[in-house]
N, C-alpha and C. Protein backbone atom coordinates (compact mmCIF):
# COMPACT_ATOMS: atom_id res chain seq x y z
N MET A 1 7.16 118.31 112.20
CA MET A 1 7.94 117.91 111.32
C MET A 1 8.23 116.13 111.17
N SER A 2 8.03 115.62 110.41
CA SER A 2 8.47 114.22 110.63
C SER A 2 9.95 114.04 110.66
N SER A 3 9.66 112.50 110.65
CA SER A 3 11.34 111.63 111.22
C SER A 3 11.39 110.86 109.96
N ALA A 4 12.81 110.84 109.80
CA ALA A 4 13.24 109.57 108.95
C ALA A 4 14.28 109.07 109.79
N ARG A 5 14.59 108.01 110.50
CA ARG A 5 15.38 107.46 111.02
C ARG A 5 16.44 106.20 110.66
N TYR A 6 16.94 106.52 110.01
CA TYR A 6 18.14 104.86 109.03
C TYR A 6 18.69 104.36 110.68
N PHE A 7 18.30 103.13 109.72
CA PHE A 7 19.56 102.02 110.82
C PHE A 7 20.38 101.50 110.03
N VAL A 8 21.62 101.32 110.47
CA VAL A 8 22.51 100.79 109.86
C VAL A 8 23.53 99.11 111.14
N PHE A 9 22.87 98.11 110.22
CA PHE A 9 23.13 96.94 111.06
C PHE A 9 24.00 95.72 110.69
N SER A 10 24.01 94.86 111.56
CA SER A 10 25.33 93.95 110.65
C SER A 10 24.55 92.34 110.64
N ARG A 11 24.07 91.77 109.62
CA ARG A 11 23.39 90.65 109.79
C ARG A 11 24.56 89.53 108.59
N GLY A 12 25.27 88.93 109.73
CA GLY A 12 26.44 87.64 109.42
C GLY A 12 27.67 88.72 108.80
N ASP A 13 27.63 88.37 107.05
CA ASP A 13 28.81 89.25 106.48
C ASP A 13 27.96 90.46 105.78
N THR A 14 26.72 90.88 106.09
CA THR A 14 26.28 91.64 105.10
C THR A 14 25.43 93.29 106.13
N TRP A 15 26.05 94.22 106.09
CA TRP A 15 25.70 95.68 106.49
C TRP A 15 24.65 95.96 105.78
N ILE A 16 23.46 96.17 106.57
CA ILE A 16 21.93 96.38 106.07
C ILE A 16 21.80 97.93 106.09
N VAL A 17 20.88 98.29 105.87
CA VAL A 17 20.60 100.05 106.06
C VAL A 17 19.10 99.92 105.92
N ALA A 18 18.28 100.38 106.74
CA ALA A 18 17.19 100.13 106.91
C ALA A 18 16.03 101.46 107.27
N LEU A 19 14.87 101.75 106.84
CA LEU A 19 13.80 102.63 107.23
C LEU A 19 12.84 102.32 107.63
N ASP A 20 12.16 102.58 109.02
CA ASP A 20 11.03 102.01 109.27
C ASP A 20 10.79 100.39 109.09
N GLY A 21 11.68 99.84 109.35
CA GLY A 21 11.82 98.04 109.39
C GLY A 21 11.55 97.68 108.47
N VAL A 22 12.22 98.21 107.02
CA VAL A 22 12.01 98.04 105.87
C VAL A 22 13.62 98.00 105.65
N PRO A 23 14.01 96.81 104.90
CA PRO A 23 15.80 97.12 104.68
C PRO A 23 15.38 97.48 102.77
N LEU A 24 17.15 98.67 102.89
CA LEU A 24 16.49 99.40 101.60
C LEU A 24 17.93 99.12 100.97
N GLY A 25 18.84 98.72 101.72
CA GLY A 25 20.33 98.01 100.78
C GLY A 25 20.55 97.27 102.17
N HIS A 26 22.12 96.89 101.37
CA HIS A 26 23.01 95.38 101.48
C HIS A 26 24.27 95.65 100.89
N HIS A 27 25.01 96.16 101.95
CA HIS A 27 26.52 95.65 102.00
C HIS A 27 27.20 95.15 101.95
N SER A 28 28.88 95.11 101.31
CA SER A 28 29.82 94.06 101.87
C SER A 28 30.67 94.77 103.24
N SER A 29 30.54 96.65 103.17
CA SER A 29 31.42 96.54 104.44
C SER A 29 30.54 97.67 104.85
N ARG A 30 30.73 97.89 106.07
CA ARG A 30 29.66 98.99 107.44
C ARG A 30 30.02 100.52 106.52
N PRO A 31 31.46 100.61 106.26
CA PRO A 31 31.60 102.40 105.68
C PRO A 31 30.70 102.46 104.19
N ALA A 32 30.35 101.50 103.54
CA ALA A 32 29.76 101.63 102.73
C ALA A 32 28.04 101.66 103.28
N ALA A 33 27.60 101.05 103.86
CA ALA A 33 26.62 100.93 104.26
C ALA A 33 26.34 102.46 105.44
N LEU A 34 27.30 102.74 105.80
CA LEU A 34 26.80 104.02 106.66
C LEU A 34 26.76 105.18 105.25
N SER A 35 27.83 105.55 104.65
CA SER A 35 27.64 106.28 103.80
C SER A 35 26.01 106.28 102.53
N SER A 36 25.53 104.92 102.40
CA SER A 36 24.77 104.81 101.73
C SER A 36 23.55 105.58 102.79
N ALA A 37 23.07 105.27 103.98
CA ALA A 37 22.12 105.23 104.63
C ALA A 37 22.59 107.13 105.06
N ILE A 38 23.62 107.55 105.08
CA ILE A 38 23.70 108.92 105.17
C ILE A 38 23.36 109.84 103.70
N VAL A 39 23.41 109.30 102.82
CA VAL A 39 22.96 110.02 101.63
C VAL A 39 21.50 109.75 101.51
N MET A 40 21.18 108.83 101.72
CA MET A 40 19.52 108.64 102.06
C MET A 40 18.90 109.78 103.26
N ALA A 41 19.50 109.50 104.09
CA ALA A 41 18.90 110.46 104.93
C ALA A 41 19.50 112.12 104.84
N ASP A 42 20.10 112.95 104.36
CA ASP A 42 20.56 113.60 103.90
C ASP A 42 19.40 113.90 102.60
N LEU A 43 19.06 113.24 101.97
CA LEU A 43 18.06 113.68 101.05
C LEU A 43 16.42 113.95 101.71
N MET A 44 16.11 113.11 102.82
CA MET A 44 15.10 113.09 103.62
C MET A 44 14.98 114.87 104.28
N GLY A 45 16.35 114.83 104.65
CA GLY A 45 16.36 116.33 105.47
C GLY A 45 16.57 117.42 104.44
N SER A 46 16.77 116.92 103.14
CA SER A 46 16.31 118.34 102.75
C SER A 46 14.94 118.12 102.06
N MET A 47 14.08 117.18 102.19
CA MET A 47 13.00 117.37 102.02
C MET A 47 12.00 117.59 103.61
N ARG A 48 12.97 117.90 104.60
CA ARG A 48 12.03 119.18 105.79
C ARG A 48 12.07 117.67 106.79
N TYR A 49 12.16 116.66 106.64
CA TYR A 49 12.26 115.93 107.52
C TYR A 49 13.64 115.72 108.56
N ASP A 50 13.02 115.62 109.44
CA ASP A 50 14.11 115.18 110.96
C ASP A 50 14.92 114.09 110.37
N ALA A 51 16.26 114.29 109.93
CA ALA A 51 16.77 112.86 109.30
C ALA A 51 18.07 112.65 110.30
N ASP A 52 17.94 111.33 110.99
CA ASP A 52 19.53 110.60 111.08
C ASP A 52 19.71 109.45 110.89
N VAL A 53 20.89 109.14 111.34
CA VAL A 53 21.00 107.37 111.23
C VAL A 53 21.97 106.85 111.99
N MET A 54 21.42 105.64 112.55
CA MET A 54 21.82 105.13 114.04
C MET A 54 23.04 103.87 113.43
N LEU A 55 23.68 103.97 114.00
CA LEU A 55 24.64 102.55 113.77
C LEU A 55 25.05 101.64 114.57
N GLU A 56 24.79 100.26 114.60
CA GLU A 56 24.89 99.50 115.50
C GLU A 56 26.23 99.42 116.01
N SER A 57 27.25 99.26 117.10
CA SER A 57 28.23 99.29 116.93
C SER A 57 28.38 98.50 118.46
N GLU A 58 28.99 96.96 118.54
CA GLU A 58 29.58 96.18 119.49
C GLU A 58 27.92 96.04 120.39
N GLY A 59 26.95 96.09 120.22
CA GLY A 59 25.85 95.38 120.60
C GLY A 59 24.81 96.07 120.62
N HIS A 60 25.06 97.63 120.14
CA HIS A 60 24.09 98.98 120.81
C HIS A 60 23.95 99.69 119.38
N LEU A 61 23.35 100.61 119.99
CA LEU A 61 22.93 101.56 118.34
C LEU A 61 23.73 102.83 118.78
N ASP A 62 24.49 103.46 117.93
CA ASP A 62 24.82 104.86 118.53
C ASP A 62 24.67 105.69 117.50
N LEU A 63 24.13 107.02 117.82
CA LEU A 63 23.86 108.19 116.53
C LEU A 63 25.14 108.14 116.00
N ALA A 64 24.79 108.13 114.65
CA ALA A 64 26.10 108.75 114.13
C ALA A 64 25.97 109.51 113.04
N TRP A 65 25.09 110.33 112.69
CA TRP A 65 24.81 111.16 111.77
C TRP A 65 23.34 112.38 111.96
N THR A 66 23.40 113.43 111.38
CA THR A 66 22.21 114.23 111.81
C THR A 66 22.42 115.13 110.65
N TYR A 67 20.95 115.05 109.66
CA TYR A 67 21.08 115.94 109.24
C TYR A 67 20.81 117.55 109.65
N GLY A 68 21.51 118.34 109.14
CA GLY A 68 21.62 119.65 109.81
C GLY A 68 22.75 119.96 110.70
N VAL A 69 23.28 118.69 111.25
CA VAL A 69 24.40 119.17 112.57
C VAL A 69 25.51 118.36 112.12
N ASP A 70 26.10 117.62 111.31
CA ASP A 70 27.01 116.84 111.01
C ASP A 70 26.64 117.04 109.49
N PRO A 71 28.22 116.98 108.83
CA PRO A 71 29.00 117.22 107.81
C PRO A 71 28.92 115.82 106.81
N LEU A 72 28.47 115.68 105.09
CA LEU A 72 28.65 115.08 104.70
C LEU A 72 29.71 114.61 104.30
N PRO A 73 29.95 112.79 104.49
CA PRO A 73 31.20 112.38 104.49
C PRO A 73 32.02 112.80 103.08
N ARG A 74 33.18 112.83 103.00
CA ARG A 74 33.85 113.14 101.64
C ARG A 74 34.07 112.01 100.92
N THR A 75 33.59 112.12 99.56
CA THR A 75 33.49 110.67 98.86
C THR A 75 35.23 110.57 98.42
N GLU A 76 35.27 109.27 98.00
CA GLU A 76 36.51 109.20 97.58
C GLU A 76 36.86 109.98 96.19
N ALA A 77 35.79 109.98 95.53
CA ALA A 77 36.39 110.92 94.31
C ALA A 77 36.74 112.56 94.53
N ALA A 78 36.05 112.92 95.69
CA ALA A 78 36.56 114.30 96.47
C ALA A 78 37.66 114.25 97.20
N ALA A 79 38.29 113.23 97.52
CA ALA A 79 39.27 112.65 98.27
C ALA A 79 41.09 113.48 97.88
């Protein structure tokens, strides 16, 4: 099975979502970028990829979300 690992990291005041070294989204906040990355990873997971999201935190990367393991975050509309 192929993998899809999304990375969320900051550059200045912008949070970036990237896949395979390609920036896919620029966001003004960490929560927005993380949510965006999770939505993308969830879509790839539904297409049978091993999908997860890595989040930059204090100079290192942490596994933030994994398809099939972690629930989707609630949206503001659902809250």
